[in-house]
Amino acid sequence: MSIRVAALNVTQSDDFEVVLGLINQLSQVLEENRQATNDLLEVADSLGLNDDDTDTETSSNNTETVSNILVQENESLRSQIHAQKLKNKAYAQLLTESVQALDKCLSGLRQLIYTKSNESLKIHDKYLSQIHTEQQKTLELELEISTIESKVYDISKILRDAMSASTAIVYSKQKEEIGLSNDHIDQHEGFKTINIEQSPDYIQGFLETIANQQRISSITIDSFNNNDV
């Protein structure tokens, strides 16, 4: 008897539960069938013995009809036993194929889990590498931004100092030229009309201050490098 088992999808856990349930049912049916077969055999043997005893002891009192009925019942029981054996064989074959299908499903599931685990590990390693690279780039950018901010601060300080020094020089020269004291210098009309930023003294003082700051910065950097060496 040929038994076909439906193909199982290894990606669905319900299929495994169905197969396990089917195996449990088949095991229970086989046990019940074995018990029923044993009972039928006992009944058949008992009928056969009773048939012989009846023919021997009461052959003068029983008709041939009773004997035929017993023979028919015996044959019917044996036919049922034969049919039950065929069912048991079919159930056993179904159980074997179910176990094989379950083993195949579990093998496929193990292979699938192994493959997916390796893929997940590779993806995890890839993302970790990318995160490390991005973190390194971020640190480099933060360092570069910090360096730029420091340079901008130094430049603004140099410009501020240069403007203050140049303004002081221009005020000092104008005060000497006009001959006013600090208390009255802002009230002098000639002083008010002078544009300090366009004054040659302001520009010269501004450039000299920047040059001095550059020399100081150069000396500081050289001294720092020499200390590192």
N, C-alpha and C. Protein backbone atom coordinates (compact mmCIF):
# COMPACT_ATOMS: atom_id res chain seq x y z
N MET A 1 0.85 -1.20 0.00
CA MET A 1 0.00 0.00 0.00
C MET A 1 0.87 1.24 0.00
N SER A 2 0.65 2.12 -0.92
CA SER A 2 1.48 3.32 -1.06
C SER A 2 0.87 4.46 -0.26
N ILE A 3 1.67 5.10 0.59
CA ILE A 3 1.23 6.23 1.42
C ILE A 3 2.05 7.45 1.03
N ARG A 4 1.38 8.53 0.70
CA ARG A 4 2.06 9.77 0.32
C ARG A 4 1.93 10.76 1.46
N VAL A 5 3.04 11.41 1.75
CA VAL A 5 3.08 12.43 2.81
C VAL A 5 3.28 13.78 2.15
N ALA A 6 2.45 14.75 2.53
CA ALA A 6 2.57 16.09 1.95
C ALA A 6 3.89 16.71 2.33
N ALA A 7 4.48 17.45 1.38
CA ALA A 7 5.76 18.14 1.64
C ALA A 7 5.55 19.22 2.68
N LEU A 8 6.52 19.35 3.57
CA LEU A 8 6.42 20.32 4.66
C LEU A 8 7.29 21.52 4.38
N ASN A 9 6.80 22.65 4.79
CA ASN A 9 7.58 23.88 4.67
C ASN A 9 8.42 24.04 5.92
N VAL A 10 9.74 23.99 5.76
CA VAL A 10 10.64 24.03 6.92
C VAL A 10 10.65 25.38 7.59
N THR A 11 10.06 26.36 6.96
CA THR A 11 10.08 27.71 7.55
C THR A 11 8.89 27.95 8.45
N GLN A 12 7.93 26.98 8.57
CA GLN A 12 6.76 27.17 9.38
C GLN A 12 6.75 26.16 10.50
N SER A 13 6.64 26.63 11.74
CA SER A 13 6.69 25.74 12.89
C SER A 13 5.43 24.90 13.01
N ASP A 14 4.27 25.36 12.42
CA ASP A 14 3.04 24.60 12.51
C ASP A 14 3.17 23.24 11.84
N ASP A 15 3.95 23.14 10.77
CA ASP A 15 4.13 21.86 10.08
C ASP A 15 4.75 20.83 11.00
N PHE A 16 5.67 21.21 11.81
CA PHE A 16 6.31 20.27 12.73
C PHE A 16 5.31 19.79 13.78
N GLU A 17 4.46 20.68 14.23
CA GLU A 17 3.45 20.28 15.19
C GLU A 17 2.47 19.30 14.57
N VAL A 18 2.11 19.51 13.30
CA VAL A 18 1.22 18.59 12.60
C VAL A 18 1.85 17.22 12.47
N VAL A 19 3.12 17.19 12.08
CA VAL A 19 3.81 15.90 11.92
C VAL A 19 3.92 15.18 13.25
N LEU A 20 4.29 15.89 14.30
CA LEU A 20 4.40 15.27 15.62
C LEU A 20 3.04 14.75 16.10
N GLY A 21 1.98 15.52 15.85
CA GLY A 21 0.65 15.05 16.22
C GLY A 21 0.25 13.81 15.44
N LEU A 22 0.60 13.80 14.14
CA LEU A 22 0.29 12.64 13.31
C LEU A 22 1.03 11.40 13.80
N ILE A 23 2.28 11.57 14.19
CA ILE A 23 3.07 10.43 14.69
C ILE A 23 2.45 9.90 15.99
N ASN A 24 2.05 10.77 16.87
CA ASN A 24 1.42 10.33 18.12
C ASN A 24 0.12 9.58 17.85
N GLN A 25 -0.69 10.10 16.91
CA GLN A 25 -1.94 9.42 16.57
C GLN A 25 -1.68 8.04 15.97
N LEU A 26 -0.68 7.97 15.08
CA LEU A 26 -0.37 6.68 14.45
C LEU A 26 0.11 5.67 15.49
N SER A 27 0.92 6.13 16.42
CA SER A 27 1.41 5.23 17.46
C SER A 27 0.25 4.69 18.30
N GLN A 28 -0.70 5.57 18.62
CA GLN A 28 -1.86 5.15 19.40
C GLN A 28 -2.72 4.16 18.61
N VAL A 29 -2.94 4.45 17.31
CA VAL A 29 -3.74 3.55 16.47
C VAL A 29 -3.08 2.19 16.33
N LEU A 30 -1.76 2.19 16.15
CA LEU A 30 -1.04 0.91 16.02
C LEU A 30 -1.18 0.08 17.29
N GLU A 31 -1.09 0.72 18.43
CA GLU A 31 -1.24 -0.01 19.69
C GLU A 31 -2.64 -0.58 19.83
N GLU A 32 -3.65 0.22 19.47
CA GLU A 32 -5.03 -0.27 19.53
C GLU A 32 -5.25 -1.41 18.55
N ASN A 33 -4.66 -1.29 17.36
CA ASN A 33 -4.83 -2.34 16.35
C ASN A 33 -4.16 -3.64 16.78
N ARG A 34 -3.00 -3.52 17.40
CA ARG A 34 -2.33 -4.73 17.89
C ARG A 34 -3.19 -5.45 18.94
N GLN A 35 -3.77 -4.66 19.83
CA GLN A 35 -4.62 -5.24 20.85
C GLN A 35 -5.86 -5.88 20.23
N ALA A 36 -6.45 -5.18 19.23
CA ALA A 36 -7.64 -5.73 18.57
C ALA A 36 -7.30 -7.01 17.82
N THR A 37 -6.13 -7.04 17.19
CA THR A 37 -5.70 -8.25 16.47
C THR A 37 -5.53 -9.42 17.42
N ASN A 38 -4.91 -9.17 18.54
CA ASN A 38 -4.74 -10.24 19.53
C ASN A 38 -6.09 -10.75 20.03
N ASP A 39 -7.03 -9.82 20.26
CA ASP A 39 -8.36 -10.24 20.70
C ASP A 39 -9.05 -11.08 19.65
N LEU A 40 -8.94 -10.67 18.37
CA LEU A 40 -9.58 -11.42 17.29
C LEU A 40 -8.97 -12.81 17.14
N LEU A 41 -7.67 -12.89 17.28
CA LEU A 41 -7.01 -14.20 17.19
C LEU A 41 -7.48 -15.12 18.32
N GLU A 42 -7.61 -14.56 19.51
CA GLU A 42 -8.09 -15.37 20.63
C GLU A 42 -9.51 -15.86 20.38
N VAL A 43 -10.36 -14.96 19.86
CA VAL A 43 -11.74 -15.36 19.56
C VAL A 43 -11.78 -16.42 18.48
N ALA A 44 -10.94 -16.23 17.43
CA ALA A 44 -10.93 -17.22 16.33
C ALA A 44 -10.47 -18.58 16.82
N ASP A 45 -9.41 -18.58 17.63
CA ASP A 45 -8.92 -19.85 18.16
C ASP A 45 -9.96 -20.51 19.05
N SER A 46 -10.64 -19.68 19.85
CA SER A 46 -11.68 -20.23 20.73
C SER A 46 -12.81 -20.82 19.94
N LEU A 47 -13.21 -20.14 18.86
CA LEU A 47 -14.28 -20.66 18.02
C LEU A 47 -13.88 -21.96 17.36
N GLY A 48 -12.61 -22.01 16.93
CA GLY A 48 -12.14 -23.23 16.28
C GLY A 48 -12.17 -24.41 17.23
N LEU A 49 -11.75 -24.19 18.50
CA LEU A 49 -11.77 -25.26 19.48
C LEU A 49 -13.19 -25.67 19.83
N ASN A 50 -14.05 -24.66 19.99
CA ASN A 50 -15.44 -24.97 20.30
C ASN A 50 -16.10 -25.73 19.18
N ASP A 51 -15.69 -25.39 17.92
CA ASP A 51 -16.25 -26.07 16.76
C ASP A 51 -15.90 -27.55 16.79
N ASP A 52 -14.62 -27.85 17.11
CA ASP A 52 -14.19 -29.26 17.16
C ASP A 52 -14.88 -30.00 18.29
N ASP A 53 -14.96 -29.35 19.46
CA ASP A 53 -15.61 -30.00 20.60
C ASP A 53 -17.08 -30.29 20.32
N THR A 54 -17.72 -29.31 19.69
CA THR A 54 -19.15 -29.48 19.40
C THR A 54 -19.37 -30.64 18.44
N ASP A 55 -18.47 -30.69 17.40
CA ASP A 55 -18.62 -31.77 16.43
C ASP A 55 -18.38 -33.14 17.07
N THR A 56 -17.50 -33.15 18.09
CA THR A 56 -17.14 -34.43 18.70
C THR A 56 -18.19 -34.89 19.71
N GLU A 57 -18.59 -33.95 20.60
CA GLU A 57 -19.43 -34.34 21.72
C GLU A 57 -20.92 -34.37 21.38
N THR A 58 -21.37 -33.40 20.52
CA THR A 58 -22.82 -33.28 20.28
C THR A 58 -23.16 -33.46 18.82
N SER A 59 -22.40 -34.29 18.10
CA SER A 59 -22.64 -34.47 16.66
C SER A 59 -24.03 -35.04 16.38
N SER A 60 -24.59 -35.76 17.36
CA SER A 60 -25.91 -36.36 17.13
C SER A 60 -27.04 -35.38 17.40
N ASN A 61 -26.74 -34.30 18.15
CA ASN A 61 -27.80 -33.38 18.55
C ASN A 61 -27.84 -32.08 17.74
N ASN A 62 -26.67 -31.69 17.14
CA ASN A 62 -26.61 -30.41 16.40
C ASN A 62 -26.77 -30.68 14.91
N THR A 63 -27.36 -29.72 14.28
CA THR A 63 -27.55 -29.83 12.84
C THR A 63 -26.33 -29.30 12.12
N GLU A 64 -26.29 -29.58 10.86
CA GLU A 64 -25.16 -29.11 10.05
C GLU A 64 -25.21 -27.60 9.86
N THR A 65 -26.36 -26.99 10.07
CA THR A 65 -26.49 -25.54 9.91
C THR A 65 -25.67 -24.79 10.95
N VAL A 66 -25.68 -25.29 12.19
CA VAL A 66 -24.93 -24.64 13.26
C VAL A 66 -23.44 -24.70 12.96
N SER A 67 -23.00 -25.84 12.45
CA SER A 67 -21.59 -25.97 12.11
C SER A 67 -21.19 -25.01 11.00
N ASN A 68 -22.07 -24.86 10.02
CA ASN A 68 -21.77 -23.93 8.92
C ASN A 68 -21.70 -22.48 9.41
N ILE A 69 -22.59 -22.14 10.34
CA ILE A 69 -22.59 -20.78 10.89
C ILE A 69 -21.28 -20.50 11.62
N LEU A 70 -20.83 -21.49 12.40
CA LEU A 70 -19.58 -21.30 13.11
C LEU A 70 -18.40 -21.17 12.16
N VAL A 71 -18.44 -21.96 11.10
CA VAL A 71 -17.36 -21.88 10.10
C VAL A 71 -17.35 -20.51 9.44
N GLN A 72 -18.55 -20.01 9.11
CA GLN A 72 -18.64 -18.70 8.47
C GLN A 72 -18.13 -17.59 9.41
N GLU A 73 -18.51 -17.72 10.69
CA GLU A 73 -18.03 -16.72 11.65
C GLU A 73 -16.52 -16.77 11.79
N ASN A 74 -15.99 -17.98 11.78
CA ASN A 74 -14.53 -18.14 11.88
C ASN A 74 -13.84 -17.51 10.68
N GLU A 75 -14.39 -17.77 9.49
CA GLU A 75 -13.81 -17.18 8.28
C GLU A 75 -13.93 -15.66 8.30
N SER A 76 -15.07 -15.17 8.80
CA SER A 76 -15.26 -13.72 8.87
C SER A 76 -14.24 -13.08 9.81
N LEU A 77 -14.02 -13.75 10.95
CA LEU A 77 -13.04 -13.22 11.89
C LEU A 77 -11.63 -13.23 11.29
N ARG A 78 -11.30 -14.30 10.62
CA ARG A 78 -9.97 -14.37 10.00
C ARG A 78 -9.82 -13.32 8.89
N SER A 79 -10.93 -13.07 8.16
CA SER A 79 -10.89 -12.02 7.13
C SER A 79 -10.67 -10.65 7.77
N GLN A 80 -11.34 -10.44 8.92
CA GLN A 80 -11.15 -9.18 9.63
C GLN A 80 -9.72 -9.04 10.14
N ILE A 81 -9.18 -10.16 10.60
CA ILE A 81 -7.79 -10.14 11.07
C ILE A 81 -6.85 -9.79 9.94
N HIS A 82 -7.09 -10.39 8.76
CA HIS A 82 -6.23 -10.10 7.60
C HIS A 82 -6.34 -8.62 7.21
N ALA A 83 -7.58 -8.10 7.20
CA ALA A 83 -7.76 -6.68 6.86
C ALA A 83 -7.08 -5.78 7.89
N GLN A 84 -7.18 -6.22 9.17
CA GLN A 84 -6.55 -5.42 10.22
C GLN A 84 -5.03 -5.43 10.08
N LYS A 85 -4.47 -6.55 9.69
CA LYS A 85 -3.03 -6.63 9.47
C LYS A 85 -2.59 -5.70 8.33
N LEU A 86 -3.42 -5.66 7.26
CA LEU A 86 -3.10 -4.76 6.15
C LEU A 86 -3.13 -3.29 6.61
N LYS A 87 -4.14 -2.97 7.45
CA LYS A 87 -4.20 -1.61 7.98
C LYS A 87 -2.98 -1.30 8.85
N ASN A 88 -2.62 -2.29 9.68
CA ASN A 88 -1.45 -2.08 10.53
C ASN A 88 -0.20 -1.85 9.70
N LYS A 89 -0.07 -2.61 8.62
CA LYS A 89 1.08 -2.44 7.74
C LYS A 89 1.08 -1.05 7.10
N ALA A 90 -0.12 -0.62 6.67
CA ALA A 90 -0.23 0.72 6.07
C ALA A 90 0.10 1.80 7.09
N TYR A 91 -0.41 1.63 8.32
CA TYR A 91 -0.11 2.61 9.36
C TYR A 91 1.38 2.62 9.69
N ALA A 92 1.98 1.45 9.71
CA ALA A 92 3.42 1.38 9.99
C ALA A 92 4.21 2.09 8.89
N GLN A 93 3.80 1.87 7.63
CA GLN A 93 4.47 2.55 6.52
C GLN A 93 4.29 4.06 6.61
N LEU A 94 3.07 4.48 6.97
CA LEU A 94 2.81 5.91 7.12
C LEU A 94 3.64 6.50 8.26
N LEU A 95 3.77 5.74 9.34
CA LEU A 95 4.58 6.20 10.45
C LEU A 95 6.04 6.34 10.04
N THR A 96 6.54 5.35 9.29
CA THR A 96 7.94 5.41 8.83
C THR A 96 8.17 6.62 7.94
N GLU A 97 7.25 6.84 6.99
CA GLU A 97 7.40 7.98 6.08
C GLU A 97 7.25 9.30 6.82
N SER A 98 6.40 9.32 7.84
CA SER A 98 6.24 10.55 8.63
C SER A 98 7.52 10.87 9.39
N VAL A 99 8.14 9.83 9.97
CA VAL A 99 9.40 10.04 10.68
C VAL A 99 10.48 10.52 9.72
N GLN A 100 10.52 9.91 8.52
CA GLN A 100 11.50 10.34 7.52
C GLN A 100 11.27 11.79 7.10
N ALA A 101 9.99 12.15 6.91
CA ALA A 101 9.67 13.53 6.55
C ALA A 101 10.07 14.50 7.65
N LEU A 102 9.84 14.09 8.90
CA LEU A 102 10.21 14.94 10.03
C LEU A 102 11.73 15.11 10.10
N ASP A 103 12.46 14.01 9.90
CA ASP A 103 13.92 14.10 9.89
C ASP A 103 14.41 15.03 8.78
N LYS A 104 13.76 14.92 7.62
CA LYS A 104 14.14 15.78 6.50
C LYS A 104 13.87 17.25 6.83
N CYS A 105 12.71 17.49 7.45
CA CYS A 105 12.37 18.87 7.82
C CYS A 105 13.35 19.43 8.84
N LEU A 106 13.67 18.61 9.85
CA LEU A 106 14.60 19.07 10.88
C LEU A 106 15.99 19.31 10.30
N SER A 107 16.40 18.44 9.37
CA SER A 107 17.70 18.63 8.72
C SER A 107 17.73 19.94 7.92
N GLY A 108 16.63 20.16 7.17
CA GLY A 108 16.54 21.42 6.42
C GLY A 108 16.50 22.63 7.32
N LEU A 109 15.79 22.49 8.45
CA LEU A 109 15.71 23.60 9.40
C LEU A 109 17.06 23.90 10.02
N ARG A 110 17.81 22.85 10.36
CA ARG A 110 19.15 23.06 10.93
C ARG A 110 20.06 23.76 9.92
N GLN A 111 19.99 23.32 8.66
CA GLN A 111 20.80 23.95 7.63
C GLN A 111 20.40 25.41 7.43
N LEU A 112 19.08 25.65 7.46
CA LEU A 112 18.59 27.03 7.29
C LEU A 112 19.05 27.91 8.44
N ILE A 113 18.95 27.39 9.67
CA ILE A 113 19.39 28.16 10.84
C ILE A 113 20.88 28.45 10.76
N TYR A 114 21.65 27.44 10.34
CA TYR A 114 23.10 27.62 10.22
C TYR A 114 23.43 28.70 9.19
N THR A 115 22.74 28.63 8.04
CA THR A 115 22.99 29.62 6.98
C THR A 115 22.60 31.02 7.43
N LYS A 116 21.41 31.14 8.03
CA LYS A 116 20.94 32.45 8.48
C LYS A 116 21.83 33.00 9.59
N SER A 117 22.32 32.12 10.45
CA SER A 117 23.20 32.58 11.52
C SER A 117 24.50 33.14 10.96
N ASN A 118 25.06 32.44 9.97
CA ASN A 118 26.29 32.95 9.34
C ASN A 118 26.04 34.28 8.64
N GLU A 119 24.89 34.38 7.95
CA GLU A 119 24.58 35.64 7.27
C GLU A 119 24.41 36.76 8.29
N SER A 120 23.74 36.46 9.40
CA SER A 120 23.55 37.48 10.44
C SER A 120 24.88 37.93 11.04
N LEU A 121 25.78 36.96 11.25
CA LEU A 121 27.10 37.31 11.79
C LEU A 121 27.88 38.18 10.82
N LYS A 122 27.80 37.86 9.52
CA LYS A 122 28.50 38.66 8.52
C LYS A 122 27.94 40.08 8.48
N ILE A 123 26.61 40.19 8.51
CA ILE A 123 25.98 41.51 8.50
C ILE A 123 26.37 42.28 9.77
N HIS A 124 26.38 41.59 10.90
CA HIS A 124 26.76 42.23 12.17
C HIS A 124 28.19 42.74 12.11
N ASP A 125 29.10 41.91 11.60
CA ASP A 125 30.50 42.34 11.49
C ASP A 125 30.64 43.52 10.52
N LYS A 126 29.86 43.48 9.44
CA LYS A 126 29.92 44.57 8.46
C LYS A 126 29.47 45.89 9.08
N TYR A 127 28.36 45.84 9.82
CA TYR A 127 27.85 47.06 10.45
C TYR A 127 28.80 47.56 11.54
N LEU A 128 29.40 46.64 12.28
CA LEU A 128 30.37 47.05 13.30
C LEU A 128 31.56 47.75 12.66
N SER A 129 32.02 47.20 11.52
CA SER A 129 33.13 47.83 10.81
C SER A 129 32.75 49.22 10.31
N GLN A 130 31.54 49.33 9.76
CA GLN A 130 31.09 50.64 9.28
C GLN A 130 30.93 51.63 10.43
N ILE A 131 30.39 51.16 11.55
CA ILE A 131 30.24 52.04 12.71
C ILE A 131 31.60 52.51 13.21
N HIS A 132 32.56 51.58 13.26
CA HIS A 132 33.91 51.97 13.69
C HIS A 132 34.51 53.00 12.74
N THR A 133 34.31 52.78 11.43
CA THR A 133 34.84 53.74 10.44
C THR A 133 34.19 55.11 10.61
N GLU A 134 32.86 55.12 10.79
CA GLU A 134 32.16 56.39 10.96
C GLU A 134 32.58 57.09 12.25
N GLN A 135 32.78 56.31 13.30
CA GLN A 135 33.24 56.91 14.55
C GLN A 135 34.62 57.53 14.40
N GLN A 136 35.49 56.83 13.66
CA GLN A 136 36.84 57.37 13.42
C GLN A 136 36.77 58.66 12.62
N LYS A 137 35.91 58.66 11.58
CA LYS A 137 35.75 59.87 10.77
C LYS A 137 35.19 61.01 11.61
N THR A 138 34.24 60.68 12.48
CA THR A 138 33.66 61.71 13.34
C THR A 138 34.70 62.32 14.27
N LEU A 139 35.54 61.47 14.85
CA LEU A 139 36.61 61.98 15.71
C LEU A 139 37.58 62.87 14.94
N GLU A 140 37.92 62.45 13.71
CA GLU A 140 38.82 63.27 12.90
C GLU A 140 38.18 64.61 12.56
N LEU A 141 36.87 64.59 12.23
CA LEU A 141 36.18 65.85 11.92
C LEU A 141 36.11 66.75 13.15
N GLU A 142 35.82 66.15 14.31
CA GLU A 142 35.77 66.95 15.53
C GLU A 142 37.13 67.58 15.83
N LEU A 143 38.20 66.80 15.62
CA LEU A 143 39.54 67.34 15.84
C LEU A 143 39.83 68.47 14.86
N GLU A 144 39.43 68.26 13.60
CA GLU A 144 39.66 69.30 12.58
C GLU A 144 38.86 70.56 12.90
N ILE A 145 37.61 70.36 13.33
CA ILE A 145 36.78 71.52 13.70
C ILE A 145 37.39 72.26 14.88
N SER A 146 37.87 71.50 15.86
CA SER A 146 38.51 72.13 17.02
C SER A 146 39.74 72.92 16.61
N THR A 147 40.52 72.35 15.68
CA THR A 147 41.72 73.06 15.20
C THR A 147 41.33 74.34 14.47
N ILE A 148 40.31 74.25 13.62
CA ILE A 148 39.85 75.43 12.87
C ILE A 148 39.33 76.50 13.82
N GLU A 149 38.54 76.07 14.81
CA GLU A 149 38.02 77.04 15.78
C GLU A 149 39.15 77.72 16.54
N SER A 150 40.16 76.94 16.89
CA SER A 150 41.31 77.53 17.59
C SER A 150 42.03 78.55 16.72
N LYS A 151 42.19 78.19 15.42
CA LYS A 151 42.85 79.12 14.51
C LYS A 151 42.01 80.38 14.30
N VAL A 152 40.71 80.20 14.17
CA VAL A 152 39.82 81.37 14.00
C VAL A 152 39.89 82.27 15.23
N TYR A 153 39.92 81.64 16.39
CA TYR A 153 40.03 82.43 17.62
C TYR A 153 41.35 83.20 17.66
N ASP A 154 42.44 82.53 17.27
CA ASP A 154 43.74 83.21 17.26
C ASP A 154 43.74 84.36 16.27
N ILE A 155 43.15 84.12 15.09
CA ILE A 155 43.11 85.18 14.08
C ILE A 155 42.28 86.37 14.57
N SER A 156 41.11 86.06 15.16
CA SER A 156 40.26 87.15 15.65
C SER A 156 40.96 87.93 16.77
N LYS A 157 41.71 87.21 17.61
CA LYS A 157 42.44 87.89 18.68
C LYS A 157 43.53 88.79 18.10
N ILE A 158 44.23 88.27 17.08
CA ILE A 158 45.27 89.08 16.43
C ILE A 158 44.66 90.33 15.81
N LEU A 159 43.54 90.16 15.11
CA LEU A 159 42.88 91.31 14.47
C LEU A 159 42.38 92.30 15.52
N ARG A 160 41.81 91.77 16.59
CA ARG A 160 41.32 92.67 17.64
C ARG A 160 42.46 93.45 18.28
N ASP A 161 43.57 92.75 18.57
CA ASP A 161 44.72 93.43 19.16
C ASP A 161 45.32 94.45 18.19
N ALA A 162 45.36 94.06 16.90
CA ALA A 162 45.91 94.98 15.90
C ALA A 162 45.05 96.23 15.77
N MET A 163 43.73 96.03 15.76
CA MET A 163 42.84 97.19 15.67
C MET A 163 42.96 98.08 16.90
N SER A 164 43.04 97.46 18.06
CA SER A 164 43.17 98.27 19.29
C SER A 164 44.48 99.04 19.30
N ALA A 165 45.58 98.35 18.92
CA ALA A 165 46.88 99.01 18.92
C ALA A 165 46.92 100.13 17.89
N SER A 166 46.37 99.87 16.70
CA SER A 166 46.37 100.89 15.65
C SER A 166 45.54 102.09 16.05
N THR A 167 44.39 101.82 16.65
CA THR A 167 43.54 102.92 17.10
C THR A 167 44.25 103.75 18.17
N ALA A 168 44.93 103.09 19.06
CA ALA A 168 45.66 103.81 20.11
C ALA A 168 46.76 104.67 19.51
N ILE A 169 47.46 104.12 18.50
CA ILE A 169 48.53 104.89 17.85
C ILE A 169 47.95 106.13 17.17
N VAL A 170 46.85 105.96 16.44
CA VAL A 170 46.25 107.09 15.72
C VAL A 170 45.77 108.15 16.71
N TYR A 171 45.10 107.73 17.76
CA TYR A 171 44.64 108.68 18.76
C TYR A 171 45.80 109.44 19.37
N SER A 172 46.86 108.72 19.64
CA SER A 172 48.02 109.36 20.28
C SER A 172 48.64 110.40 19.35
N LYS A 173 48.80 110.05 18.08
CA LYS A 173 49.39 111.00 17.13
C LYS A 173 48.47 112.18 16.89
N GLN A 174 47.19 111.92 16.77
CA GLN A 174 46.25 113.03 16.55
C GLN A 174 46.23 113.97 17.76
N LYS A 175 46.30 113.39 18.91
CA LYS A 175 46.29 114.22 20.11
C LYS A 175 47.53 115.11 20.15
N GLU A 176 48.67 114.54 19.74
CA GLU A 176 49.89 115.33 19.74
C GLU A 176 49.82 116.43 18.68
N GLU A 177 49.26 116.09 17.51
CA GLU A 177 49.19 117.08 16.43
C GLU A 177 48.22 118.21 16.79
N ILE A 178 47.11 117.85 17.38
CA ILE A 178 46.11 118.88 17.69
C ILE A 178 46.46 119.61 18.98
N GLY A 179 47.16 118.91 19.86
CA GLY A 179 47.58 119.51 21.11
C GLY A 179 46.48 119.58 22.14
N LEU A 180 45.61 118.58 22.17
CA LEU A 180 44.52 118.55 23.14
C LEU A 180 44.79 117.49 24.18
N SER A 181 44.18 117.71 25.32
CA SER A 181 44.27 116.71 26.38
C SER A 181 43.22 115.63 26.15
N ASN A 182 43.31 114.55 26.89
CA ASN A 182 42.34 113.46 26.74
C ASN A 182 40.93 113.89 27.11
N ASP A 183 40.80 114.89 27.98
CA ASP A 183 39.47 115.31 28.40
C ASP A 183 38.74 116.08 27.32
N HIS A 184 39.47 116.75 26.42
CA HIS A 184 38.83 117.59 25.40
C HIS A 184 39.02 117.07 23.98
N ILE A 185 39.60 115.91 23.82
CA ILE A 185 39.91 115.47 22.46
C ILE A 185 38.65 115.13 21.67
N ASP A 186 37.62 114.60 22.36
CA ASP A 186 36.39 114.22 21.64
C ASP A 186 35.57 115.44 21.24
N GLN A 187 35.84 116.61 21.84
CA GLN A 187 35.07 117.80 21.52
C GLN A 187 35.67 118.60 20.38
N HIS A 188 36.86 118.23 19.91
CA HIS A 188 37.53 118.98 18.85
C HIS A 188 36.91 118.60 17.50
N GLU A 189 36.48 119.63 16.73
CA GLU A 189 35.81 119.39 15.46
C GLU A 189 36.72 118.72 14.46
N GLY A 190 37.97 119.10 14.43
CA GLY A 190 38.90 118.49 13.49
C GLY A 190 39.14 117.03 13.79
N PHE A 191 39.14 116.71 15.06
CA PHE A 191 39.36 115.32 15.44
C PHE A 191 38.16 114.44 15.06
N LYS A 192 36.97 115.00 15.18
CA LYS A 192 35.77 114.24 14.87
C LYS A 192 35.66 113.91 13.39
N THR A 193 36.21 114.74 12.54
CA THR A 193 36.06 114.52 11.09
C THR A 193 37.08 113.54 10.55
N ILE A 194 38.04 113.16 11.36
CA ILE A 194 39.06 112.24 10.87
C ILE A 194 38.51 110.82 10.88
N ASN A 195 38.63 110.08 9.77
CA ASN A 195 38.23 108.67 9.67
C ASN A 195 39.43 107.82 10.06
N ILE A 196 39.37 107.23 11.22
CA ILE A 196 40.53 106.52 11.76
C ILE A 196 40.92 105.34 10.88
N GLU A 197 39.94 104.55 10.38
CA GLU A 197 40.25 103.36 9.59
C GLU A 197 40.96 103.69 8.29
N GLN A 198 40.77 104.92 7.77
CA GLN A 198 41.42 105.32 6.52
C GLN A 198 42.73 106.06 6.76
N SER A 199 43.09 106.23 8.00
CA SER A 199 44.32 106.95 8.33
C SER A 199 45.53 106.09 8.01
N PRO A 200 46.58 106.66 7.38
CA PRO A 200 47.81 105.89 7.11
C PRO A 200 48.43 105.35 8.38
N ASP A 201 48.37 106.12 9.46
CA ASP A 201 48.94 105.65 10.72
C ASP A 201 48.19 104.41 11.23
N TYR A 202 46.87 104.41 11.04
CA TYR A 202 46.07 103.26 11.49
C TYR A 202 46.44 102.02 10.70
N ILE A 203 46.52 102.19 9.38
CA ILE A 203 46.84 101.04 8.52
C ILE A 203 48.24 100.53 8.82
N GLN A 204 49.21 101.45 8.96
CA GLN A 204 50.58 101.04 9.25
C GLN A 204 50.66 100.33 10.61
N GLY A 205 50.00 100.91 11.59
CA GLY A 205 50.01 100.27 12.92
C GLY A 205 49.33 98.91 12.90
N PHE A 206 48.26 98.80 12.11
CA PHE A 206 47.55 97.52 11.99
C PHE A 206 48.45 96.45 11.41
N LEU A 207 49.15 96.80 10.30
CA LEU A 207 50.04 95.84 9.64
C LEU A 207 51.22 95.47 10.53
N GLU A 208 51.78 96.46 11.24
CA GLU A 208 52.92 96.18 12.12
C GLU A 208 52.51 95.25 13.27
N THR A 209 51.32 95.46 13.80
CA THR A 209 50.85 94.61 14.90
C THR A 209 50.65 93.17 14.44
N ILE A 210 50.08 93.01 13.24
CA ILE A 210 49.88 91.66 12.70
C ILE A 210 51.22 90.98 12.46
N ALA A 211 52.19 91.74 11.92
CA ALA A 211 53.52 91.17 11.67
C ALA A 211 54.17 90.73 12.97
N ASN A 212 54.04 91.55 14.01
CA ASN A 212 54.59 91.18 15.31
C ASN A 212 53.93 89.92 15.87
N GLN A 213 52.61 89.82 15.71
CA GLN A 213 51.88 88.64 16.19
C GLN A 213 52.31 87.39 15.44
N GLN A 214 52.56 87.53 14.14
CA GLN A 214 53.01 86.38 13.35
C GLN A 214 54.39 85.91 13.79
N ARG A 215 55.28 86.87 14.08
CA ARG A 215 56.61 86.50 14.55
C ARG A 215 56.53 85.79 15.91
N ILE A 216 55.67 86.30 16.77
CA ILE A 216 55.51 85.66 18.08
C ILE A 216 54.96 84.24 17.93
N SER A 217 53.97 84.10 17.05
CA SER A 217 53.38 82.77 16.82
C SER A 217 54.40 81.81 16.25
N SER A 218 55.24 82.31 15.32
CA SER A 218 56.27 81.46 14.71
C SER A 218 57.28 81.01 15.74
N ILE A 219 57.68 81.93 16.62
CA ILE A 219 58.64 81.57 17.67
C ILE A 219 58.03 80.55 18.63
N THR A 220 56.76 80.72 18.96
CA THR A 220 56.08 79.78 19.88
C THR A 220 55.98 78.40 19.27
N ILE A 221 55.64 78.32 17.99
CA ILE A 221 55.52 77.02 17.31
C ILE A 221 56.86 76.33 17.22
N ASP A 222 57.93 77.09 16.86
CA ASP A 222 59.27 76.49 16.78
C ASP A 222 59.71 75.98 18.14
N SER A 223 59.43 76.75 19.18
CA SER A 223 59.81 76.32 20.52
C SER A 223 59.06 75.06 20.93
N PHE A 224 57.79 74.98 20.56
CA PHE A 224 56.98 73.80 20.88
C PHE A 224 57.49 72.56 20.14
N ASN A 225 57.84 72.73 18.86
CA ASN A 225 58.37 71.61 18.08
C ASN A 225 59.71 71.14 18.62
N ASN A 226 60.57 72.08 19.03
CA ASN A 226 61.87 71.70 19.58
C ASN A 226 61.71 70.93 20.89
N ASN A 227 60.73 71.31 21.69
CA ASN A 227 60.49 70.59 22.94
C ASN A 227 60.00 69.17 22.68
N ASP A 228 59.20 68.99 21.62
CA ASP A 228 58.71 67.65 21.27
C ASP A 228 59.84 66.77 20.83
N VAL A 229 60.82 67.34 20.07
CA VAL A 229 61.95 66.55 19.59
C VAL A 229 62.82 66.12 20.76
